[in-house]
Amino acid sequence: MLCLCCGCVQHGFVYREHRKSPGYYDGRYWTMWKLPMFGCTDATQVLNEVQEAKKAYPQAWVRIIGFDNVRQVQCISFIAYKPEGY
């Protein structure tokens, strides 16, 4: 079974605030869009979530991540939407 997650981030690059040098976790975490889509088998549901995320955050990048729930590893990750100007 595949678990899909959509995430949004406002910056298209490693971003740090109030620091001169990057920390260990800078650029590694994205804000999740809603809850993971456990057991989702319909691509239309995933695309609808991407559209909703784009509408809610038009200046954010949207990433889709797929996890294998048996081995508990990430199988796939890709950028589904990038804001205009990048």
PDB file of N, CA and C in Angstrom:
ATOM      1  N   MET A   1       0.846  -1.168   0.000  1.00  0.00           N
ATOM      2  CA  MET A   1       0.000   0.000   0.000  1.00  0.00           C
ATOM      3  C   MET A   1       0.897   1.238   0.000  1.00  0.00           C
ATOM      4  N   LEU A   2       0.442   2.268  -0.654  1.00  0.00           N
ATOM      5  CA  LEU A   2       1.193   3.507  -0.760  1.00  0.00           C
ATOM      6  C   LEU A   2       0.480   4.589   0.026  1.00  0.00           C
ATOM      7  N   CYS A   3       1.226   5.329   0.792  1.00  0.00           N
ATOM      8  CA  CYS A   3       0.692   6.473   1.534  1.00  0.00           C
ATOM      9  C   CYS A   3       1.209   7.735   0.865  1.00  0.00           C
ATOM     10  N   LEU A   4       0.322   8.604   0.425  1.00  0.00           N
ATOM     11  CA  LEU A   4       0.727   9.826  -0.257  1.00  0.00           C
ATOM     12  C   LEU A   4       0.568  11.022   0.660  1.00  0.00           C
ATOM     13  N   CYS A   5       1.527  11.941   0.579  1.00  0.00           N
ATOM     14  CA  CYS A   5       1.478  13.179   1.352  1.00  0.00           C
ATOM     15  C   CYS A   5       1.723  14.345   0.407  1.00  0.00           C
ATOM     16  N   CYS A   6       1.009  15.415   0.600  1.00  0.00           N
ATOM     17  CA  CYS A   6       1.267  16.660  -0.110  1.00  0.00           C
ATOM     18  C   CYS A   6       1.848  17.639   0.885  1.00  0.00           C
ATOM     19  N   GLY A   7       2.878  18.356   0.470  1.00  0.00           N
ATOM     20  CA  GLY A   7       3.481  19.351   1.339  1.00  0.00           C
ATOM     21  C   GLY A   7       3.668  20.658   0.606  1.00  0.00           C
ATOM     22  N   CYS A   8       3.680  21.749   1.347  1.00  0.00           N
ATOM     23  CA  CYS A   8       3.851  23.082   0.774  1.00  0.00           C
ATOM     24  C   CYS A   8       4.999  23.792   1.472  1.00  0.00           C
ATOM     25  N   VAL A   9       5.723  24.579   0.723  1.00  0.00           N
ATOM     26  CA  VAL A   9       6.759  25.433   1.292  1.00  0.00           C
ATOM     27  C   VAL A   9       6.730  26.747   0.523  1.00  0.00           C
ATOM     28  N   GLN A  10       6.921  27.859   1.226  1.00  0.00           N
ATOM     29  CA  GLN A  10       6.802  29.177   0.615  1.00  0.00           C
ATOM     30  C   GLN A  10       8.053  29.601  -0.151  1.00  0.00           C
ATOM     31  N   HIS A  11       9.184  28.951   0.092  1.00  0.00           N
ATOM     32  CA  HIS A  11      10.430  29.349  -0.552  1.00  0.00           C
ATOM     33  C   HIS A  11      10.911  28.232  -1.470  1.00  0.00           C
ATOM     34  N   GLY A  12      11.440  28.586  -2.619  1.00  0.00           N
ATOM     35  CA  GLY A  12      11.938  27.598  -3.555  1.00  0.00           C
ATOM     36  C   GLY A  12      13.417  27.321  -3.384  1.00  0.00           C
ATOM     37  N   PHE A  13      13.938  27.595  -2.216  1.00  0.00           N
ATOM     38  CA  PHE A  13      15.351  27.437  -1.942  1.00  0.00           C
ATOM     39  C   PHE A  13      15.512  27.193  -0.451  1.00  0.00           C
ATOM     40  N   VAL A  14      16.728  26.819  -0.034  1.00  0.00           N
ATOM     41  CA  VAL A  14      16.983  26.642   1.394  1.00  0.00           C
ATOM     42  C   VAL A  14      16.819  27.993   2.059  1.00  0.00           C
ATOM     43  N   TYR A  15      15.924  28.061   3.020  1.00  0.00           N
ATOM     44  CA  TYR A  15      15.568  29.327   3.642  1.00  0.00           C
ATOM     45  C   TYR A  15      15.888  29.290   5.125  1.00  0.00           C
ATOM     46  N   ARG A  16      16.495  30.341   5.607  1.00  0.00           N
ATOM     47  CA  ARG A  16      16.745  30.464   7.035  1.00  0.00           C
ATOM     48  C   ARG A  16      16.399  31.882   7.460  1.00  0.00           C
ATOM     49  N   GLU A  17      15.907  31.991   8.646  1.00  0.00           N
ATOM     50  CA  GLU A  17      15.482  33.287   9.151  1.00  0.00           C
ATOM     51  C   GLU A  17      16.251  33.586  10.434  1.00  0.00           C
ATOM     52  N   HIS A  18      16.755  34.803  10.549  1.00  0.00           N
ATOM     53  CA  HIS A  18      17.473  35.260  11.746  1.00  0.00           C
ATOM     54  C   HIS A  18      18.751  34.462  11.991  1.00  0.00           C
ATOM     55  N   ARG A  19      19.421  34.053  10.948  1.00  0.00           N
ATOM     56  CA  ARG A  19      20.679  33.327  11.083  1.00  0.00           C
ATOM     57  C   ARG A  19      21.625  33.759   9.976  1.00  0.00           C
ATOM     58  N   LYS A  20      22.903  33.603  10.245  1.00  0.00           N
ATOM     59  CA  LYS A  20      23.897  33.910   9.221  1.00  0.00           C
ATOM     60  C   LYS A  20      24.345  32.655   8.488  1.00  0.00           C
ATOM     61  N   SER A  21      24.263  31.513   9.151  1.00  0.00           N
ATOM     62  CA  SER A  21      24.674  30.269   8.506  1.00  0.00           C
ATOM     63  C   SER A  21      23.544  29.246   8.613  1.00  0.00           C
ATOM     64  N   PRO A  22      23.443  28.354   7.626  1.00  0.00           N
ATOM     65  CA  PRO A  22      22.354  27.373   7.660  1.00  0.00           C
ATOM     66  C   PRO A  22      22.548  26.358   8.780  1.00  0.00           C
ATOM     67  N   GLY A  23      21.457  25.925   9.358  1.00  0.00           N
ATOM     68  CA  GLY A  23      21.488  24.879  10.371  1.00  0.00           C
ATOM     69  C   GLY A  23      21.274  23.518   9.737  1.00  0.00           C
ATOM     70  N   TYR A  24      21.367  22.489  10.554  1.00  0.00           N
ATOM     71  CA  TYR A  24      21.238  21.121  10.059  1.00  0.00           C
ATOM     72  C   TYR A  24      19.880  20.863   9.408  1.00  0.00           C
ATOM     73  N   TYR A  25      18.805  21.403   9.982  1.00  0.00           N
ATOM     74  CA  TYR A  25      17.464  21.100   9.498  1.00  0.00           C
ATOM     75  C   TYR A  25      16.935  22.080   8.460  1.00  0.00           C
ATOM     76  N   ASP A  26      17.675  23.124   8.129  1.00  0.00           N
ATOM     77  CA  ASP A  26      17.187  24.099   7.153  1.00  0.00           C
ATOM     78  C   ASP A  26      16.968  23.439   5.802  1.00  0.00           C
ATOM     79  N   GLY A  27      15.797  23.629   5.241  1.00  0.00           N
ATOM     80  CA  GLY A  27      15.489  23.092   3.924  1.00  0.00           C
ATOM     81  C   GLY A  27      15.072  21.637   3.901  1.00  0.00           C
ATOM     82  N   ARG A  28      14.996  20.992   5.057  1.00  0.00           N
ATOM     83  CA  ARG A  28      14.657  19.572   5.093  1.00  0.00           C
ATOM     84  C   ARG A  28      13.184  19.308   5.356  1.00  0.00           C
ATOM     85  N   TYR A  29      12.481  20.263   5.943  1.00  0.00           N
ATOM     86  CA  TYR A  29      11.099  20.033   6.338  1.00  0.00           C
ATOM     87  C   TYR A  29      10.141  20.907   5.558  1.00  0.00           C
ATOM     88  N   TRP A  30       9.032  20.332   5.145  1.00  0.00           N
ATOM     89  CA  TRP A  30       7.957  21.026   4.456  1.00  0.00           C
ATOM     90  C   TRP A  30       6.719  20.938   5.326  1.00  0.00           C
ATOM     91  N   THR A  31       5.858  21.921   5.222  1.00  0.00           N
ATOM     92  CA  THR A  31       4.595  21.886   5.941  1.00  0.00           C
ATOM     93  C   THR A  31       3.651  20.932   5.223  1.00  0.00           C
ATOM     94  N   MET A  32       3.031  20.024   5.976  1.00  0.00           N
ATOM     95  CA  MET A  32       2.100  19.077   5.353  1.00  0.00           C
ATOM     96  C   MET A  32       0.787  19.759   5.020  1.00  0.00           C
ATOM     97  N   TRP A  33       0.224  19.379   3.896  1.00  0.00           N
ATOM     98  CA  TRP A  33      -1.089  19.844   3.478  1.00  0.00           C
ATOM     99  C   TRP A  33      -2.087  18.782   3.918  1.00  0.00           C
ATOM    100  N   LYS A  34      -2.882  19.073   4.912  1.00  0.00           N
ATOM    101  CA  LYS A  34      -3.875  18.144   5.468  1.00  0.00           C
ATOM    102  C   LYS A  34      -3.189  16.894   6.018  1.00  0.00           C
ATOM    103  N   LEU A  35      -3.932  15.793   6.079  1.00  0.00           N
ATOM    104  CA  LEU A  35      -3.393  14.537   6.593  1.00  0.00           C
ATOM    105  C   LEU A  35      -2.901  13.668   5.439  1.00  0.00           C
ATOM    106  N   PRO A  36      -1.997  12.706   5.711  1.00  0.00           N
ATOM    107  CA  PRO A  36      -1.568  11.789   4.657  1.00  0.00           C
ATOM    108  C   PRO A  36      -2.762  11.042   4.074  1.00  0.00           C
ATOM    109  N   MET A  37      -2.645  10.676   2.822  1.00  0.00           N
ATOM    110  CA  MET A  37      -3.733   9.986   2.109  1.00  0.00           C
ATOM    111  C   MET A  37      -3.472   8.483   2.154  1.00  0.00           C
ATOM    112  N   PHE A  38      -3.716   7.871   3.308  1.00  0.00           N
ATOM    113  CA  PHE A  38      -3.463   6.444   3.498  1.00  0.00           C
ATOM    114  C   PHE A  38      -4.340   5.610   2.573  1.00  0.00           C
ATOM    115  N   GLY A  39      -3.707   4.689   1.841  1.00  0.00           N
ATOM    116  CA  GLY A  39      -4.450   3.768   0.994  1.00  0.00           C
ATOM    117  C   GLY A  39      -5.091   4.386  -0.229  1.00  0.00           C
ATOM    118  N   CYS A  40      -4.696   5.562  -0.607  1.00  0.00           N
ATOM    119  CA  CYS A  40      -5.282   6.226  -1.774  1.00  0.00           C
ATOM    120  C   CYS A  40      -4.876   5.469  -3.045  1.00  0.00           C
ATOM    121  N   THR A  41      -5.859   5.106  -3.860  1.00  0.00           N
ATOM    122  CA  THR A  41      -5.581   4.397  -5.113  1.00  0.00           C
ATOM    123  C   THR A  41      -6.076   5.172  -6.326  1.00  0.00           C
ATOM    124  N   ASP A  42      -6.641   6.342  -6.107  1.00  0.00           N
ATOM    125  CA  ASP A  42      -7.214   7.140  -7.183  1.00  0.00           C
ATOM    126  C   ASP A  42      -6.363   8.388  -7.417  1.00  0.00           C
ATOM    127  N   ALA A  43      -5.739   8.475  -8.582  1.00  0.00           N
ATOM    128  CA  ALA A  43      -4.891   9.624  -8.904  1.00  0.00           C
ATOM    129  C   ALA A  43      -5.677  10.927  -8.934  1.00  0.00           C
ATOM    130  N   THR A  44      -6.965  10.856  -9.221  1.00  0.00           N
ATOM    131  CA  THR A  44      -7.798  12.059  -9.252  1.00  0.00           C
ATOM    132  C   THR A  44      -7.865  12.715  -7.882  1.00  0.00           C
ATOM    133  N   GLN A  45      -7.922  11.916  -6.824  1.00  0.00           N
ATOM    134  CA  GLN A  45      -7.925  12.463  -5.467  1.00  0.00           C
ATOM    135  C   GLN A  45      -6.637  13.231  -5.189  1.00  0.00           C
ATOM    136  N   VAL A  46      -5.525  12.673  -5.617  1.00  0.00           N
ATOM    137  CA  VAL A  46      -4.232  13.324  -5.402  1.00  0.00           C
ATOM    138  C   VAL A  46      -4.178  14.641  -6.167  1.00  0.00           C
ATOM    139  N   LEU A  47      -4.589  14.623  -7.426  1.00  0.00           N
ATOM    140  CA  LEU A  47      -4.568  15.847  -8.229  1.00  0.00           C
ATOM    141  C   LEU A  47      -5.516  16.906  -7.668  1.00  0.00           C
ATOM    142  N   ASN A  48      -6.650  16.486  -7.120  1.00  0.00           N
ATOM    143  CA  ASN A  48      -7.562  17.440  -6.489  1.00  0.00           C
ATOM    144  C   ASN A  48      -6.914  18.104  -5.279  1.00  0.00           C
ATOM    145  N   GLU A  49      -6.157  17.340  -4.498  1.00  0.00           N
ATOM    146  CA  GLU A  49      -5.463  17.916  -3.344  1.00  0.00           C
ATOM    147  C   GLU A  49      -4.386  18.902  -3.785  1.00  0.00           C
ATOM    148  N   VAL A  50      -3.678  18.574  -4.869  1.00  0.00           N
ATOM    149  CA  VAL A  50      -2.672  19.500  -5.402  1.00  0.00           C
ATOM    150  C   VAL A  50      -3.344  20.796  -5.846  1.00  0.00           C
ATOM    151  N   GLN A  51      -4.480  20.691  -6.519  1.00  0.00           N
ATOM    152  CA  GLN A  51      -5.210  21.890  -6.959  1.00  0.00           C
ATOM    153  C   GLN A  51      -5.662  22.733  -5.768  1.00  0.00           C
ATOM    154  N   GLU A  52      -6.146  22.088  -4.716  1.00  0.00           N
ATOM    155  CA  GLU A  52      -6.566  22.821  -3.517  1.00  0.00           C
ATOM    156  C   GLU A  52      -5.387  23.525  -2.858  1.00  0.00           C
ATOM    157  N   ALA A  53      -4.248  22.841  -2.787  1.00  0.00           N
ATOM    158  CA  ALA A  53      -3.054  23.446  -2.193  1.00  0.00           C
ATOM    159  C   ALA A  53      -2.586  24.640  -3.020  1.00  0.00           C
ATOM    160  N   LYS A  54      -2.629  24.503  -4.350  1.00  0.00           N
ATOM    161  CA  LYS A  54      -2.252  25.623  -5.226  1.00  0.00           C
ATOM    162  C   LYS A  54      -3.167  26.816  -5.015  1.00  0.00           C
ATOM    163  N   LYS A  55      -4.463  26.552  -4.873  1.00  0.00           N
ATOM    164  CA  LYS A  55      -5.433  27.629  -4.694  1.00  0.00           C
ATOM    165  C   LYS A  55      -5.230  28.332  -3.348  1.00  0.00           C
ATOM    166  N   ALA A  56      -4.949  27.554  -2.309  1.00  0.00           N
ATOM    167  CA  ALA A  56      -4.773  28.117  -0.971  1.00  0.00           C
ATOM    168  C   ALA A  56      -3.436  28.842  -0.822  1.00  0.00           C
ATOM    169  N   TYR A  57      -2.389  28.337  -1.481  1.00  0.00           N
ATOM    170  CA  TYR A  57      -1.049  28.910  -1.380  1.00  0.00           C
ATOM    171  C   TYR A  57      -0.455  29.077  -2.773  1.00  0.00           C
ATOM    172  N   PRO A  58      -0.864  30.104  -3.520  1.00  0.00           N
ATOM    173  CA  PRO A  58      -0.401  30.251  -4.905  1.00  0.00           C
ATOM    174  C   PRO A  58       1.095  30.547  -5.039  1.00  0.00           C
ATOM    175  N   GLN A  59       1.732  31.032  -3.987  1.00  0.00           N
ATOM    176  CA  GLN A  59       3.160  31.335  -4.053  1.00  0.00           C
ATOM    177  C   GLN A  59       4.019  30.247  -3.412  1.00  0.00           C
ATOM    178  N   ALA A  60       3.444  29.094  -3.148  1.00  0.00           N
ATOM    179  CA  ALA A  60       4.176  28.002  -2.502  1.00  0.00           C
ATOM    180  C   ALA A  60       4.483  26.885  -3.495  1.00  0.00           C
ATOM    181  N   TRP A  61       5.545  26.169  -3.221  1.00  0.00           N
ATOM    182  CA  TRP A  61       5.873  24.960  -3.958  1.00  0.00           C
ATOM    183  C   TRP A  61       5.065  23.824  -3.357  1.00  0.00           C
ATOM    184  N   VAL A  62       4.614  22.881  -4.189  1.00  0.00           N
ATOM    185  CA  VAL A  62       3.849  21.727  -3.709  1.00  0.00           C
ATOM    186  C   VAL A  62       4.609  20.465  -4.093  1.00  0.00           C
ATOM    187  N   ARG A  63       4.848  19.625  -3.109  1.00  0.00           N
ATOM    188  CA  ARG A  63       5.600  18.386  -3.323  1.00  0.00           C
ATOM    189  C   ARG A  63       4.717  17.201  -2.953  1.00  0.00           C
ATOM    190  N   ILE A  64       4.811  16.140  -3.721  1.00  0.00           N
ATOM    191  CA  ILE A  64       4.109  14.891  -3.424  1.00  0.00           C
ATOM    192  C   ILE A  64       5.151  13.857  -3.007  1.00  0.00           C
ATOM    193  N   ILE A  65       4.859  13.170  -1.917  1.00  0.00           N
ATOM    194  CA  ILE A  65       5.757  12.136  -1.405  1.00  0.00           C
ATOM    195  C   ILE A  65       4.963  10.848  -1.256  1.00  0.00           C
ATOM    196  N   GLY A  66       5.533   9.747  -1.715  1.00  0.00           N
ATOM    197  CA  GLY A  66       4.903   8.437  -1.556  1.00  0.00           C
ATOM    198  C   GLY A  66       5.727   7.565  -0.625  1.00  0.00           C
ATOM    199  N   PHE A  67       5.060   6.925   0.325  1.00  0.00           N
ATOM    200  CA  PHE A  67       5.722   6.056   1.293  1.00  0.00           C
ATOM    201  C   PHE A  67       5.204   4.628   1.170  1.00  0.00           C
ATOM    202  N   ASP A  68       6.083   3.664   1.402  1.00  0.00           N
ATOM    203  CA  ASP A  68       5.712   2.254   1.490  1.00  0.00           C
ATOM    204  C   ASP A  68       5.404   1.973   2.957  1.00  0.00           C
ATOM    205  N   ASN A  69       4.154   1.603   3.252  1.00  0.00           N
ATOM    206  CA  ASN A  69       3.782   1.420   4.655  1.00  0.00           C
ATOM    207  C   ASN A  69       4.305   0.111   5.248  1.00  0.00           C
ATOM    208  N   VAL A  70       4.725  -0.836   4.415  1.00  0.00           N
ATOM    209  CA  VAL A  70       5.252  -2.099   4.928  1.00  0.00           C
ATOM    210  C   VAL A  70       6.713  -1.926   5.335  1.00  0.00           C
ATOM    211  N   ARG A  71       7.512  -1.407   4.425  1.00  0.00           N
ATOM    212  CA  ARG A  71       8.934  -1.194   4.723  1.00  0.00           C
ATOM    213  C   ARG A  71       9.181   0.120   5.452  1.00  0.00           C
ATOM    214  N   GLN A  72       8.176   0.995   5.486  1.00  0.00           N
ATOM    215  CA  GLN A  72       8.251   2.299   6.143  1.00  0.00           C
ATOM    216  C   GLN A  72       9.397   3.146   5.594  1.00  0.00           C
ATOM    217  N   VAL A  73       9.417   3.239   4.263  1.00  0.00           N
ATOM    218  CA  VAL A  73      10.426   4.055   3.591  1.00  0.00           C
ATOM    219  C   VAL A  73       9.745   4.938   2.550  1.00  0.00           C
ATOM    220  N   GLN A  74      10.429   5.997   2.192  1.00  0.00           N
ATOM    221  CA  GLN A  74       9.944   6.874   1.128  1.00  0.00           C
ATOM    222  C   GLN A  74      10.256   6.226  -0.211  1.00  0.00           C
ATOM    223  N   CYS A  75       9.244   6.128  -1.078  1.00  0.00           N
ATOM    224  CA  CYS A  75       9.417   5.494  -2.388  1.00  0.00           C
ATOM    225  C   CYS A  75       9.652   6.522  -3.490  1.00  0.00           C
ATOM    226  N   ILE A  76       8.954   7.647  -3.390  1.00  0.00           N
ATOM    227  CA  ILE A  76       9.003   8.644  -4.450  1.00  0.00           C
ATOM    228  C   ILE A  76       8.750  10.022  -3.853  1.00  0.00           C
ATOM    229  N   SER A  77       9.333  11.024  -4.470  1.00  0.00           N
ATOM    230  CA  SER A  77       9.100  12.407  -4.067  1.00  0.00           C
ATOM    231  C   SER A  77       9.360  13.284  -5.284  1.00  0.00           C
ATOM    232  N   PHE A  78       8.418  14.185  -5.567  1.00  0.00           N
ATOM    233  CA  PHE A  78       8.619  15.086  -6.696  1.00  0.00           C
ATOM    234  C   PHE A  78       7.829  16.370  -6.488  1.00  0.00           C
ATOM    235  N   ILE A  79       8.260  17.415  -7.185  1.00  0.00           N
ATOM    236  CA  ILE A  79       7.585  18.705  -7.138  1.00  0.00           C
ATOM    237  C   ILE A  79       6.401  18.637  -8.098  1.00  0.00           C
ATOM    238  N   ALA A  80       5.191  18.860  -7.575  1.00  0.00           N
ATOM    239  CA  ALA A  80       3.985  18.805  -8.399  1.00  0.00           C
ATOM    240  C   ALA A  80       3.590  20.183  -8.914  1.00  0.00           C
ATOM    241  N   TYR A  81       4.046  21.239  -8.237  1.00  0.00           N
ATOM    242  CA  TYR A  81       3.701  22.604  -8.648  1.00  0.00           C
ATOM    243  C   TYR A  81       4.778  23.552  -8.150  1.00  0.00           C
ATOM    244  N   LYS A  82       5.173  24.468  -9.008  1.00  0.00           N
ATOM    245  CA  LYS A  82       6.064  25.540  -8.575  1.00  0.00           C
ATOM    246  C   LYS A  82       5.428  26.860  -8.964  1.00  0.00           C
ATOM    247  N   PRO A  83       5.583  27.894  -8.144  1.00  0.00           N
ATOM    248  CA  PRO A  83       4.946  29.180  -8.439  1.00  0.00           C
ATOM    249  C   PRO A  83       5.563  29.838  -9.669  1.00  0.00           C
ATOM    250  N   GLU A  84       4.793  30.707 -10.277  1.00  0.00           N
ATOM    251  CA  GLU A  84       5.298  31.426 -11.449  1.00  0.00           C
ATOM    252  C   GLU A  84       6.505  32.269 -11.056  1.00  0.00           C
ATOM    253  N   GLY A  85       7.442  32.385 -11.973  1.00  0.00           N
ATOM    254  CA  GLY A  85       8.633  33.184 -11.729  1.00  0.00           C
ATOM    255  C   GLY A  85       9.852  32.372 -11.342  1.00  0.00           C
ATOM    256  N   TYR A  86       9.700  31.058 -11.186  1.00  0.00           N
ATOM    257  CA  TYR A  86      10.844  30.206 -10.856  1.00  0.00           C
ATOM    258  C   TYR A  86      11.175  29.335 -12.027  1.00  0.00           C
TER     259      TYR A  86
END
